Amino acid sequence: MVDIAGGFNCISKRGEHSRTLEFKEVVDADPDIIVFMPCGFDVTRALREFKYVESVDGWYDLRAVKNKNVYVVDANSYFSRPSHRVVRGIEILAKIIHPYAFNDIEVSEWEVRRVY
């Protein structure tokens, strides 16, 4: 989905199953954008879990955090289940990755929330 939306996934590879990441993987990748999408969580639930991520040593040193490019999305509705809704998930990612190129795409706070 990231590839289709015009981004580059610097942590996982296409076709891999979702998995728990070690924070060192995120630090080593030092991504430009972070999209936090715990499998099966909506935005509200993901935001509750997100506070634990912020307490990890090194979080505030990440490029995406410094540049205010960290987002929480509704993984349950648009990313964790194969259905027609994955198209909306791609639109959401495209809007995050290329906001000016996709300024005609509207997203709600129930679909995505910028946390930094």
PDB file of N, CA and C in Angstrom:
ATOM      1  N   MET A   1       0.831  -1.193   0.000  1.00  0.00           N
ATOM      2  CA  MET A   1       0.000   0.000   0.000  1.00  0.00           C
ATOM      3  C   MET A   1       0.877   1.258   0.000  1.00  0.00           C
ATOM      4  N   VAL A   2       1.974   1.220   0.753  1.00  0.00           N
ATOM      5  CA  VAL A   2       2.880   2.370   0.798  1.00  0.00           C
ATOM      6  C   VAL A   2       3.464   2.632  -0.588  1.00  0.00           C
ATOM      7  N   ASP A   3       3.897   1.568  -1.253  1.00  0.00           N
ATOM      8  CA  ASP A   3       4.447   1.713  -2.612  1.00  0.00           C
ATOM      9  C   ASP A   3       3.422   2.328  -3.558  1.00  0.00           C
ATOM     10  N   ILE A   4       2.214   1.833  -3.530  1.00  0.00           N
ATOM     11  CA  ILE A   4       1.157   2.332  -4.412  1.00  0.00           C
ATOM     12  C   ILE A   4       0.864   3.805  -4.130  1.00  0.00           C
ATOM     13  N   ALA A   5       0.947   4.202  -2.859  1.00  0.00           N
ATOM     14  CA  ALA A   5       0.681   5.585  -2.467  1.00  0.00           C
ATOM     15  C   ALA A   5       1.851   6.516  -2.789  1.00  0.00           C
ATOM     16  N   GLY A   6       2.956   5.955  -3.289  1.00  0.00           N
ATOM     17  CA  GLY A   6       4.086   6.790  -3.675  1.00  0.00           C
ATOM     18  C   GLY A   6       5.146   6.953  -2.608  1.00  0.00           C
ATOM     19  N   GLY A   7       5.141   6.068  -1.620  1.00  0.00           N
ATOM     20  CA  GLY A   7       6.134   6.136  -0.563  1.00  0.00           C
ATOM     21  C   GLY A   7       7.120   4.986  -0.645  1.00  0.00           C
ATOM     22  N   PHE A   8       8.033   4.967   0.310  1.00  0.00           N
ATOM     23  CA  PHE A   8       9.029   3.906   0.421  1.00  0.00           C
ATOM     24  C   PHE A   8       8.992   3.375   1.841  1.00  0.00           C
ATOM     25  N   ASN A   9       8.686   2.088   1.980  1.00  0.00           N
ATOM     26  CA  ASN A   9       8.640   1.465   3.293  1.00  0.00           C
ATOM     27  C   ASN A   9      10.055   1.030   3.659  1.00  0.00           C
ATOM     28  N   CYS A  10      10.663   1.730   4.593  1.00  0.00           N
ATOM     29  CA  CYS A  10      12.063   1.477   4.925  1.00  0.00           C
ATOM     30  C   CYS A  10      12.246   0.446   6.035  1.00  0.00           C
ATOM     31  N   ILE A  11      11.172  -0.162   6.514  1.00  0.00           N
ATOM     32  CA  ILE A  11      11.300  -1.129   7.601  1.00  0.00           C
ATOM     33  C   ILE A  11      10.878  -2.530   7.196  1.00  0.00           C
ATOM     34  N   SER A  12       9.739  -2.671   6.550  1.00  0.00           N
ATOM     35  CA  SER A  12       9.296  -4.009   6.151  1.00  0.00           C
ATOM     36  C   SER A  12       9.343  -4.137   4.643  1.00  0.00           C
ATOM     37  N   LYS A  13       9.104  -5.335   4.182  1.00  0.00           N
ATOM     38  CA  LYS A  13       9.144  -5.593   2.753  1.00  0.00           C
ATOM     39  C   LYS A  13       7.769  -6.015   2.251  1.00  0.00           C
ATOM     40  N   ARG A  14       7.516  -5.719   0.988  1.00  0.00           N
ATOM     41  CA  ARG A  14       6.253  -6.081   0.360  1.00  0.00           C
ATOM     42  C   ARG A  14       6.017  -7.580   0.514  1.00  0.00           C
ATOM     43  N   GLY A  15       4.805  -7.947   0.899  1.00  0.00           N
ATOM     44  CA  GLY A  15       4.431  -9.349   1.031  1.00  0.00           C
ATOM     45  C   GLY A  15       4.686  -9.948   2.397  1.00  0.00           C
ATOM     46  N   GLU A  16       5.429  -9.259   3.256  1.00  0.00           N
ATOM     47  CA  GLU A  16       5.664  -9.765   4.609  1.00  0.00           C
ATOM     48  C   GLU A  16       4.390  -9.627   5.436  1.00  0.00           C
ATOM     49  N   HIS A  17       4.212 -10.533   6.370  1.00  0.00           N
ATOM     50  CA  HIS A  17       3.110 -10.400   7.316  1.00  0.00           C
ATOM     51  C   HIS A  17       3.433  -9.275   8.293  1.00  0.00           C
ATOM     52  N   SER A  18       2.398  -8.654   8.837  1.00  0.00           N
ATOM     53  CA  SER A  18       2.640  -7.626   9.846  1.00  0.00           C
ATOM     54  C   SER A  18       3.256  -8.280  11.069  1.00  0.00           C
ATOM     55  N   ARG A  19       4.005  -7.495  11.805  1.00  0.00           N
ATOM     56  CA  ARG A  19       4.721  -8.028  12.955  1.00  0.00           C
ATOM     57  C   ARG A  19       4.999  -6.907  13.936  1.00  0.00           C
ATOM     58  N   THR A  20       5.399  -7.273  15.126  1.00  0.00           N
ATOM     59  CA  THR A  20       5.830  -6.298  16.110  1.00  0.00           C
ATOM     60  C   THR A  20       7.242  -5.855  15.750  1.00  0.00           C
ATOM     61  N   LEU A  21       7.451  -4.554  15.736  1.00  0.00           N
ATOM     62  CA  LEU A  21       8.771  -4.017  15.419  1.00  0.00           C
ATOM     63  C   LEU A  21       9.575  -3.796  16.685  1.00  0.00           C
ATOM     64  N   GLU A  22      10.848  -3.979  16.574  1.00  0.00           N
ATOM     65  CA  GLU A  22      11.755  -3.554  17.633  1.00  0.00           C
ATOM     66  C   GLU A  22      12.029  -2.070  17.397  1.00  0.00           C
ATOM     67  N   PHE A  23      12.104  -1.299  18.464  1.00  0.00           N
ATOM     68  CA  PHE A  23      12.306   0.139  18.284  1.00  0.00           C
ATOM     69  C   PHE A  23      13.636   0.439  17.595  1.00  0.00           C
ATOM     70  N   LYS A  24      14.619  -0.409  17.788  1.00  0.00           N
ATOM     71  CA  LYS A  24      15.912  -0.223  17.130  1.00  0.00           C
ATOM     72  C   LYS A  24      15.751  -0.194  15.603  1.00  0.00           C
ATOM     73  N   GLU A  25      14.804  -0.959  15.070  1.00  0.00           N
ATOM     74  CA  GLU A  25      14.556  -0.941  13.627  1.00  0.00           C
ATOM     75  C   GLU A  25      14.098   0.444  13.169  1.00  0.00           C
ATOM     76  N   VAL A  26      13.283   1.078  13.970  1.00  0.00           N
ATOM     77  CA  VAL A  26      12.797   2.417  13.645  1.00  0.00           C
ATOM     78  C   VAL A  26      13.948   3.419  13.747  1.00  0.00           C
ATOM     79  N   VAL A  27      14.745   3.315  14.792  1.00  0.00           N
ATOM     80  CA  VAL A  27      15.893   4.213  14.969  1.00  0.00           C
ATOM     81  C   VAL A  27      16.870   4.057  13.812  1.00  0.00           C
ATOM     82  N   ASP A  28      17.176   2.815  13.451  1.00  0.00           N
ATOM     83  CA  ASP A  28      18.119   2.566  12.355  1.00  0.00           C
ATOM     84  C   ASP A  28      17.597   3.109  11.024  1.00  0.00           C
ATOM     85  N   ALA A  29      16.305   3.014  10.789  1.00  0.00           N
ATOM     86  CA  ALA A  29      15.717   3.509   9.542  1.00  0.00           C
ATOM     87  C   ALA A  29      15.586   5.033   9.551  1.00  0.00           C
ATOM     88  N   ASP A  30      15.352   5.620  10.720  1.00  0.00           N
ATOM     89  CA  ASP A  30      15.151   7.060  10.886  1.00  0.00           C
ATOM     90  C   ASP A  30      14.258   7.625   9.773  1.00  0.00           C
ATOM     91  N   PRO A  31      13.010   7.183   9.725  1.00  0.00           N
ATOM     92  CA  PRO A  31      12.125   7.548   8.603  1.00  0.00           C
ATOM     93  C   PRO A  31      11.745   9.028   8.573  1.00  0.00           C
ATOM     94  N   ASP A  32      11.384   9.482   7.379  1.00  0.00           N
ATOM     95  CA  ASP A  32      10.885  10.847   7.197  1.00  0.00           C
ATOM     96  C   ASP A  32       9.465  10.984   7.719  1.00  0.00           C
ATOM     97  N   ILE A  33       8.686   9.906   7.620  1.00  0.00           N
ATOM     98  CA  ILE A  33       7.285   9.890   8.045  1.00  0.00           C
ATOM     99  C   ILE A  33       7.054   8.602   8.832  1.00  0.00           C
ATOM    100  N   ILE A  34       6.310   8.706   9.919  1.00  0.00           N
ATOM    101  CA  ILE A  34       5.899   7.528  10.681  1.00  0.00           C
ATOM    102  C   ILE A  34       4.382   7.473  10.666  1.00  0.00           C
ATOM    103  N   VAL A  35       3.847   6.318  10.262  1.00  0.00           N
ATOM    104  CA  VAL A  35       2.406   6.080  10.309  1.00  0.00           C
ATOM    105  C   VAL A  35       2.195   4.948  11.302  1.00  0.00           C
ATOM    106  N   PHE A  36       1.629   5.280  12.440  1.00  0.00           N
ATOM    107  CA  PHE A  36       1.405   4.340  13.536  1.00  0.00           C
ATOM    108  C   PHE A  36       0.067   3.662  13.296  1.00  0.00           C
ATOM    109  N   MET A  37       0.084   2.337  13.061  1.00  0.00           N
ATOM    110  CA  MET A  37      -1.150   1.616  12.752  1.00  0.00           C
ATOM    111  C   MET A  37      -1.148   0.234  13.397  1.00  0.00           C
ATOM    112  N   PRO A  38      -1.327   0.173  14.714  1.00  0.00           N
ATOM    113  CA  PRO A  38      -1.407  -1.142  15.344  1.00  0.00           C
ATOM    114  C   PRO A  38      -2.564  -1.950  14.761  1.00  0.00           C
ATOM    115  N   CYS A  39      -2.290  -3.163  14.405  1.00  0.00           N
ATOM    116  CA  CYS A  39      -3.250  -4.036  13.730  1.00  0.00           C
ATOM    117  C   CYS A  39      -4.561  -4.137  14.508  1.00  0.00           C
ATOM    118  N   GLY A  40      -5.656  -3.795  13.831  1.00  0.00           N
ATOM    119  CA  GLY A  40      -6.977  -3.932  14.413  1.00  0.00           C
ATOM    120  C   GLY A  40      -7.428  -2.768  15.269  1.00  0.00           C
ATOM    121  N   PHE A  41      -6.614  -1.708  15.387  1.00  0.00           N
ATOM    122  CA  PHE A  41      -6.978  -0.568  16.233  1.00  0.00           C
ATOM    123  C   PHE A  41      -7.542   0.565  15.393  1.00  0.00           C
ATOM    124  N   ASP A  42      -8.575   1.231  15.929  1.00  0.00           N
ATOM    125  CA  ASP A  42      -9.043   2.466  15.317  1.00  0.00           C
ATOM    126  C   ASP A  42      -8.178   3.613  15.842  1.00  0.00           C
ATOM    127  N   VAL A  43      -8.433   4.831  15.408  1.00  0.00           N
ATOM    128  CA  VAL A  43      -7.604   5.972  15.790  1.00  0.00           C
ATOM    129  C   VAL A  43      -7.636   6.196  17.300  1.00  0.00           C
ATOM    130  N   THR A  44      -8.806   6.143  17.896  1.00  0.00           N
ATOM    131  CA  THR A  44      -8.931   6.392  19.333  1.00  0.00           C
ATOM    132  C   THR A  44      -8.098   5.406  20.144  1.00  0.00           C
ATOM    133  N   ARG A  45      -8.226   4.138  19.828  1.00  0.00           N
ATOM    134  CA  ARG A  45      -7.459   3.110  20.553  1.00  0.00           C
ATOM    135  C   ARG A  45      -5.965   3.244  20.275  1.00  0.00           C
ATOM    136  N   ALA A  46      -5.589   3.518  19.030  1.00  0.00           N
ATOM    137  CA  ALA A  46      -4.173   3.678  18.687  1.00  0.00           C
ATOM    138  C   ALA A  46      -3.566   4.871  19.422  1.00  0.00           C
ATOM    139  N   LEU A  47      -4.322   5.946  19.575  1.00  0.00           N
ATOM    140  CA  LEU A  47      -3.815   7.108  20.317  1.00  0.00           C
ATOM    141  C   LEU A  47      -3.545   6.771  21.776  1.00  0.00           C
ATOM    142  N   ARG A  48      -4.385   5.940  22.360  1.00  0.00           N
ATOM    143  CA  ARG A  48      -4.150   5.507  23.750  1.00  0.00           C
ATOM    144  C   ARG A  48      -2.841   4.732  23.853  1.00  0.00           C
ATOM    145  N   GLU A  49      -2.575   3.879  22.885  1.00  0.00           N
ATOM    146  CA  GLU A  49      -1.346   3.084  22.895  1.00  0.00           C
ATOM    147  C   GLU A  49      -0.119   3.922  22.524  1.00  0.00           C
ATOM    148  N   PHE A  50      -0.336   4.960  21.743  1.00  0.00           N
ATOM    149  CA  PHE A  50       0.761   5.781  21.245  1.00  0.00           C
ATOM    150  C   PHE A  50       1.567   6.410  22.375  1.00  0.00           C
ATOM    151  N   LYS A  51       0.946   6.732  23.489  1.00  0.00           N
ATOM    152  CA  LYS A  51       1.667   7.382  24.598  1.00  0.00           C
ATOM    153  C   LYS A  51       2.849   6.539  25.074  1.00  0.00           C
ATOM    154  N   TYR A  52       2.765   5.220  24.915  1.00  0.00           N
ATOM    155  CA  TYR A  52       3.874   4.356  25.309  1.00  0.00           C
ATOM    156  C   TYR A  52       5.057   4.492  24.353  1.00  0.00           C
ATOM    157  N   VAL A  53       4.781   4.754  23.102  1.00  0.00           N
ATOM    158  CA  VAL A  53       5.842   4.941  22.109  1.00  0.00           C
ATOM    159  C   VAL A  53       6.640   6.196  22.441  1.00  0.00           C
ATOM    160  N   GLU A  54       5.948   7.234  22.856  1.00  0.00           N
ATOM    161  CA  GLU A  54       6.608   8.502  23.159  1.00  0.00           C
ATOM    162  C   GLU A  54       7.598   8.405  24.313  1.00  0.00           C
ATOM    163  N   SER A  55       7.443   7.416  25.163  1.00  0.00           N
ATOM    164  CA  SER A  55       8.320   7.291  26.325  1.00  0.00           C
ATOM    165  C   SER A  55       9.606   6.502  26.039  1.00  0.00           C
ATOM    166  N   VAL A  56       9.741   5.980  24.836  1.00  0.00           N
ATOM    167  CA  VAL A  56      10.921   5.186  24.490  1.00  0.00           C
ATOM    168  C   VAL A  56      12.107   6.112  24.232  1.00  0.00           C
ATOM    169  N   ASP A  57      13.257   5.768  24.816  1.00  0.00           N
ATOM    170  CA  ASP A  57      14.478   6.548  24.583  1.00  0.00           C
ATOM    171  C   ASP A  57      14.779   6.625  23.095  1.00  0.00           C
ATOM    172  N   GLY A  58      15.041   7.812  22.615  1.00  0.00           N
ATOM    173  CA  GLY A  58      15.373   8.017  21.213  1.00  0.00           C
ATOM    174  C   GLY A  58      14.213   8.486  20.372  1.00  0.00           C
ATOM    175  N   TRP A  59      12.991   8.436  20.904  1.00  0.00           N
ATOM    176  CA  TRP A  59      11.820   8.832  20.125  1.00  0.00           C
ATOM    177  C   TRP A  59      11.952  10.256  19.587  1.00  0.00           C
ATOM    178  N   TYR A  60      12.333  11.179  20.446  1.00  0.00           N
ATOM    179  CA  TYR A  60      12.386  12.584  20.050  1.00  0.00           C
ATOM    180  C   TYR A  60      13.577  12.915  19.153  1.00  0.00           C
ATOM    181  N   ASP A  61      14.479  11.951  18.955  1.00  0.00           N
ATOM    182  CA  ASP A  61      15.617  12.136  18.059  1.00  0.00           C
ATOM    183  C   ASP A  61      15.292  11.741  16.616  1.00  0.00           C
ATOM    184  N   LEU A  62      14.166  11.091  16.398  1.00  0.00           N
ATOM    185  CA  LEU A  62      13.808  10.629  15.061  1.00  0.00           C
ATOM    186  C   LEU A  62      13.459  11.801  14.141  1.00  0.00           C
ATOM    187  N   ARG A  63      13.879  11.702  12.902  1.00  0.00           N
ATOM    188  CA  ARG A  63      13.632  12.740  11.895  1.00  0.00           C
ATOM    189  C   ARG A  63      12.140  13.039  11.742  1.00  0.00           C
ATOM    190  N   ALA A  64      11.302  12.003  11.686  1.00  0.00           N
ATOM    191  CA  ALA A  64       9.860  12.216  11.513  1.00  0.00           C
ATOM    192  C   ALA A  64       9.271  12.997  12.683  1.00  0.00           C
ATOM    193  N   VAL A  65       9.743  12.735  13.888  1.00  0.00           N
ATOM    194  CA  VAL A  65       9.245  13.451  15.065  1.00  0.00           C
ATOM    195  C   VAL A  65       9.706  14.907  15.016  1.00  0.00           C
ATOM    196  N   LYS A  66      10.985  15.106  14.737  1.00  0.00           N
ATOM    197  CA  LYS A  66      11.516  16.477  14.668  1.00  0.00           C
ATOM    198  C   LYS A  66      10.811  17.301  13.592  1.00  0.00           C
ATOM    199  N   ASN A  67      10.439  16.650  12.474  1.00  0.00           N
ATOM    200  CA  ASN A  67       9.795  17.358  11.368  1.00  0.00           C
ATOM    201  C   ASN A  67       8.270  17.326  11.422  1.00  0.00           C
ATOM    202  N   LYS A  68       7.740  16.818  12.534  1.00  0.00           N
ATOM    203  CA  LYS A  68       6.285  16.771  12.759  1.00  0.00           C
ATOM    204  C   LYS A  68       5.556  15.995  11.664  1.00  0.00           C
ATOM    205  N   ASN A  69       6.069  14.807  11.372  1.00  0.00           N
ATOM    206  CA  ASN A  69       5.477  13.915  10.376  1.00  0.00           C
ATOM    207  C   ASN A  69       5.145  12.557  10.976  1.00  0.00           C
ATOM    208  N   VAL A  70       4.382  12.568  12.045  1.00  0.00           N
ATOM    209  CA  VAL A  70       3.964  11.336  12.715  1.00  0.00           C
ATOM    210  C   VAL A  70       2.443  11.310  12.739  1.00  0.00           C
ATOM    211  N   TYR A  71       1.875  10.197  12.272  1.00  0.00           N
ATOM    212  CA  TYR A  71       0.424  10.064  12.123  1.00  0.00           C
ATOM    213  C   TYR A  71      -0.060   8.767  12.757  1.00  0.00           C
ATOM    214  N   VAL A  72      -1.285   8.811  13.239  1.00  0.00           N
ATOM    215  CA  VAL A  72      -1.990   7.626  13.720  1.00  0.00           C
ATOM    216  C   VAL A  72      -3.176   7.437  12.770  1.00  0.00           C
ATOM    217  N   VAL A  73      -3.365   6.196  12.299  1.00  0.00           N
ATOM    218  CA  VAL A  73      -4.459   5.926  11.367  1.00  0.00           C
ATOM    219  C   VAL A  73      -5.380   4.834  11.899  1.00  0.00           C
ATOM    220  N   ASP A  74      -6.528   4.729  11.275  1.00  0.00           N
ATOM    221  CA  ASP A  74      -7.512   3.696  11.608  1.00  0.00           C
ATOM    222  C   ASP A  74      -7.123   2.409  10.882  1.00  0.00           C
ATOM    223  N   ALA A  75      -6.250   1.651  11.492  1.00  0.00           N
ATOM    224  CA  ALA A  75      -5.780   0.400  10.881  1.00  0.00           C
ATOM    225  C   ALA A  75      -6.905  -0.609  10.757  1.00  0.00           C
ATOM    226  N   ASN A  76      -7.795  -0.626  11.724  1.00  0.00           N
ATOM    227  CA  ASN A  76      -8.895  -1.589  11.713  1.00  0.00           C
ATOM    228  C   ASN A  76      -9.761  -1.447  10.468  1.00  0.00           C
ATOM    229  N   SER A  77     -10.065  -0.220  10.086  1.00  0.00           N
ATOM    230  CA  SER A  77     -10.964  -0.004   8.955  1.00  0.00           C
ATOM    231  C   SER A  77     -10.281  -0.034   7.592  1.00  0.00           C
ATOM    232  N   TYR A  78      -9.019   0.417   7.526  1.00  0.00           N
ATOM    233  CA  TYR A  78      -8.423   0.655   6.217  1.00  0.00           C
ATOM    234  C   TYR A  78      -7.124  -0.089   5.915  1.00  0.00           C
ATOM    235  N   PHE A  79      -6.546  -0.768   6.889  1.00  0.00           N
ATOM    236  CA  PHE A  79      -5.236  -1.365   6.646  1.00  0.00           C
ATOM    237  C   PHE A  79      -5.103  -2.825   7.090  1.00  0.00           C
ATOM    238  N   SER A  80      -5.930  -3.283   7.992  1.00  0.00           N
ATOM    239  CA  SER A  80      -5.747  -4.622   8.569  1.00  0.00           C
ATOM    240  C   SER A  80      -6.626  -5.709   7.960  1.00  0.00           C
ATOM    241  N   ARG A  81      -7.587  -5.325   7.162  1.00  0.00           N
ATOM    242  CA  ARG A  81      -8.533  -6.304   6.623  1.00  0.00           C
ATOM    243  C   ARG A  81      -8.611  -6.173   5.106  1.00  0.00           C
ATOM    244  N   PRO A  82      -8.501  -7.285   4.397  1.00  0.00           N
ATOM    245  CA  PRO A  82      -8.625  -7.200   2.939  1.00  0.00           C
ATOM    246  C   PRO A  82     -10.083  -6.936   2.545  1.00  0.00           C
ATOM    247  N   SER A  83     -10.312  -5.800   1.947  1.00  0.00           N
ATOM    248  CA  SER A  83     -11.645  -5.438   1.449  1.00  0.00           C
ATOM    249  C   SER A  83     -11.497  -4.237   0.528  1.00  0.00           C
ATOM    250  N   HIS A  84     -12.615  -3.751   0.026  1.00  0.00           N
ATOM    251  CA  HIS A  84     -12.587  -2.566  -0.821  1.00  0.00           C
ATOM    252  C   HIS A  84     -12.068  -1.342  -0.074  1.00  0.00           C
ATOM    253  N   ARG A  85     -12.071  -1.387   1.250  1.00  0.00           N
ATOM    254  CA  ARG A  85     -11.624  -0.248   2.054  1.00  0.00           C
ATOM    255  C   ARG A  85     -10.113  -0.011   1.971  1.00  0.00           C
ATOM    256  N   VAL A  86      -9.356  -1.000   1.482  1.00  0.00           N
ATOM    257  CA  VAL A  86      -7.916  -0.767   1.331  1.00  0.00           C
ATOM    258  C   VAL A  86      -7.650   0.354   0.321  1.00  0.00           C
ATOM    259  N   VAL A  87      -8.565   0.574  -0.603  1.00  0.00           N
ATOM    260  CA  VAL A  87      -8.412   1.686  -1.545  1.00  0.00           C
ATOM    261  C   VAL A  87      -8.412   3.002  -0.771  1.00  0.00           C
ATOM    262  N   ARG A  88      -9.303   3.109   0.199  1.00  0.00           N
ATOM    263  CA  ARG A  88      -9.329   4.312   1.044  1.00  0.00           C
ATOM    264  C   ARG A  88      -8.035   4.406   1.850  1.00  0.00           C
ATOM    265  N   GLY A  89      -7.517   3.288   2.306  1.00  0.00           N
ATOM    266  CA  GLY A  89      -6.245   3.292   3.018  1.00  0.00           C
ATOM    267  C   GLY A  89      -5.117   3.830   2.161  1.00  0.00           C
ATOM    268  N   ILE A  90      -5.095   3.465   0.892  1.00  0.00           N
ATOM    269  CA  ILE A  90      -4.088   3.983  -0.035  1.00  0.00           C
ATOM    270  C   ILE A  90      -4.267   5.488  -0.217  1.00  0.00           C
ATOM    271  N   GLU A  91      -5.504   5.943  -0.316  1.00  0.00           N
ATOM    272  CA  GLU A  91      -5.751   7.387  -0.416  1.00  0.00           C
ATOM    273  C   GLU A  91      -5.242   8.121   0.820  1.00  0.00           C
ATOM    274  N   ILE A  92      -5.479   7.549   1.986  1.00  0.00           N
ATOM    275  CA  ILE A  92      -5.011   8.160   3.233  1.00  0.00           C
ATOM    276  C   ILE A  92      -3.492   8.237   3.239  1.00  0.00           C
ATOM    277  N   LEU A  93      -2.830   7.155   2.862  1.00  0.00           N
ATOM    278  CA  LEU A  93      -1.363   7.163   2.804  1.00  0.00           C
ATOM    279  C   LEU A  93      -0.850   8.174   1.784  1.00  0.00           C
ATOM    280  N   ALA A  94      -1.496   8.240   0.622  1.00  0.00           N
ATOM    281  CA  ALA A  94      -1.082   9.204  -0.403  1.00  0.00           C
ATOM    282  C   ALA A  94      -1.187  10.631   0.129  1.00  0.00           C
ATOM    283  N   LYS A  95      -2.240  10.924   0.856  1.00  0.00           N
ATOM    284  CA  LYS A  95      -2.437  12.253   1.441  1.00  0.00           C
ATOM    285  C   LYS A  95      -1.349  12.554   2.474  1.00  0.00           C
ATOM    286  N   ILE A  96      -0.961  11.549   3.261  1.00  0.00           N
ATOM    287  CA  ILE A  96       0.101  11.736   4.257  1.00  0.00           C
ATOM    288  C   ILE A  96       1.450  11.935   3.568  1.00  0.00           C
ATOM    289  N   ILE A  97       1.755  11.104   2.590  1.00  0.00           N
ATOM    290  CA  ILE A  97       3.073  11.115   1.944  1.00  0.00           C
ATOM    291  C   ILE A  97       3.240  12.318   1.015  1.00  0.00           C
ATOM    292  N   HIS A  98       2.204  12.651   0.270  1.00  0.00           N
ATOM    293  CA  HIS A  98       2.252  13.750  -0.708  1.00  0.00           C
ATOM    294  C   HIS A  98       1.055  14.675  -0.511  1.00  0.00           C
ATOM    295  N   PRO A  99       1.023  15.426   0.594  1.00  0.00           N
ATOM    296  CA  PRO A  99      -0.177  16.211   0.911  1.00  0.00           C
ATOM    297  C   PRO A  99      -0.552  17.245  -0.147  1.00  0.00           C
ATOM    298  N   TYR A 100       0.411  17.827  -0.821  1.00  0.00           N
ATOM    299  CA  TYR A 100       0.085  18.865  -1.803  1.00  0.00           C
ATOM    300  C   TYR A 100      -0.375  18.268  -3.124  1.00  0.00           C
ATOM    301  N   ALA A 101       0.163  17.123  -3.469  1.00  0.00           N
ATOM    302  CA  ALA A 101      -0.253  16.465  -4.703  1.00  0.00           C
ATOM    303  C   ALA A 101      -1.673  15.906  -4.584  1.00  0.00           C
ATOM    304  N   PHE A 102      -2.079  15.607  -3.345  1.00  0.00           N
ATOM    305  CA  PHE A 102      -3.402  15.015  -3.124  1.00  0.00           C
ATOM    306  C   PHE A 102      -4.258  15.925  -2.238  1.00  0.00           C
ATOM    307  N   ASN A 103      -4.176  17.226  -2.487  1.00  0.00           N
ATOM    308  CA  ASN A 103      -4.947  18.152  -1.657  1.00  0.00           C
ATOM    309  C   ASN A 103      -6.447  18.046  -1.883  1.00  0.00           C
ATOM    310  N   ASP A 104      -6.860  17.347  -2.940  1.00  0.00           N
ATOM    311  CA  ASP A 104      -8.296  17.146  -3.181  1.00  0.00           C
ATOM    312  C   ASP A 104      -8.865  15.976  -2.385  1.00  0.00           C
ATOM    313  N   ILE A 105      -8.007  15.192  -1.744  1.00  0.00           N
ATOM    314  CA  ILE A 105      -8.463  14.074  -0.910  1.00  0.00           C
ATOM    315  C   ILE A 105      -8.708  14.594   0.503  1.00  0.00           C
ATOM    316  N   GLU A 106      -9.924  14.412   0.970  1.00  0.00           N
ATOM    317  CA  GLU A 106     -10.285  14.820   2.332  1.00  0.00           C
ATOM    318  C   GLU A 106     -10.170  13.617   3.265  1.00  0.00           C
ATOM    319  N   VAL A 107      -9.604  13.837   4.434  1.00  0.00           N
ATOM    320  CA  VAL A 107      -9.554  12.781   5.455  1.00  0.00           C
ATOM    321  C   VAL A 107     -10.114  13.346   6.747  1.00  0.00           C
ATOM    322  N   SER A 108     -10.782  12.496   7.497  1.00  0.00           N
ATOM    323  CA  SER A 108     -11.381  12.938   8.754  1.00  0.00           C
ATOM    324  C   SER A 108     -10.484  12.552   9.917  1.00  0.00           C
ATOM    325  N   GLU A 109     -10.765  13.138  11.067  1.00  0.00           N
ATOM    326  CA  GLU A 109      -9.995  12.804  12.265  1.00  0.00           C
ATOM    327  C   GLU A 109     -10.268  11.381  12.741  1.00  0.00           C
ATOM    328  N   TRP A 110     -11.298  10.745  12.216  1.00  0.00           N
ATOM    329  CA  TRP A 110     -11.578   9.344  12.546  1.00  0.00           C
ATOM    330  C   TRP A 110     -10.733   8.397  11.706  1.00  0.00           C
ATOM    331  N   GLU A 111     -10.163   8.920  10.605  1.00  0.00           N
ATOM    332  CA  GLU A 111      -9.344   8.103   9.712  1.00  0.00           C
ATOM    333  C   GLU A 111      -7.851   8.277   9.975  1.00  0.00           C
ATOM    334  N   VAL A 112      -7.465   9.501  10.255  1.00  0.00           N
ATOM    335  CA  VAL A 112      -6.044   9.796  10.476  1.00  0.00           C
ATOM    336  C   VAL A 112      -5.922  10.999  11.407  1.00  0.00           C
ATOM    337  N   ARG A 113      -4.911  10.961  12.248  1.00  0.00           N
ATOM    338  CA  ARG A 113      -4.651  12.079  13.146  1.00  0.00           C
ATOM    339  C   ARG A 113      -3.144  12.335  13.158  1.00  0.00           C
ATOM    340  N   ARG A 114      -2.760  13.567  12.915  1.00  0.00           N
ATOM    341  CA  ARG A 114      -1.350  13.941  13.019  1.00  0.00           C
ATOM    342  C   ARG A 114      -1.057  14.153  14.492  1.00  0.00           C
ATOM    343  N   VAL A 115      -0.069  13.440  15.021  1.00  0.00           N
ATOM    344  CA  VAL A 115       0.266  13.574  16.441  1.00  0.00           C
ATOM    345  C   VAL A 115       1.494  14.423  16.659  1.00  0.00           C
ATOM    346  N   TYR A 116       2.300  14.575  15.644  1.00  0.00           N
ATOM    347  CA  TYR A 116       3.463  15.485  15.670  1.00  0.00           C
ATOM    348  C   TYR A 116       3.525  16.144  14.320  1.00  0.00           C
TER     349      TYR A 116
END
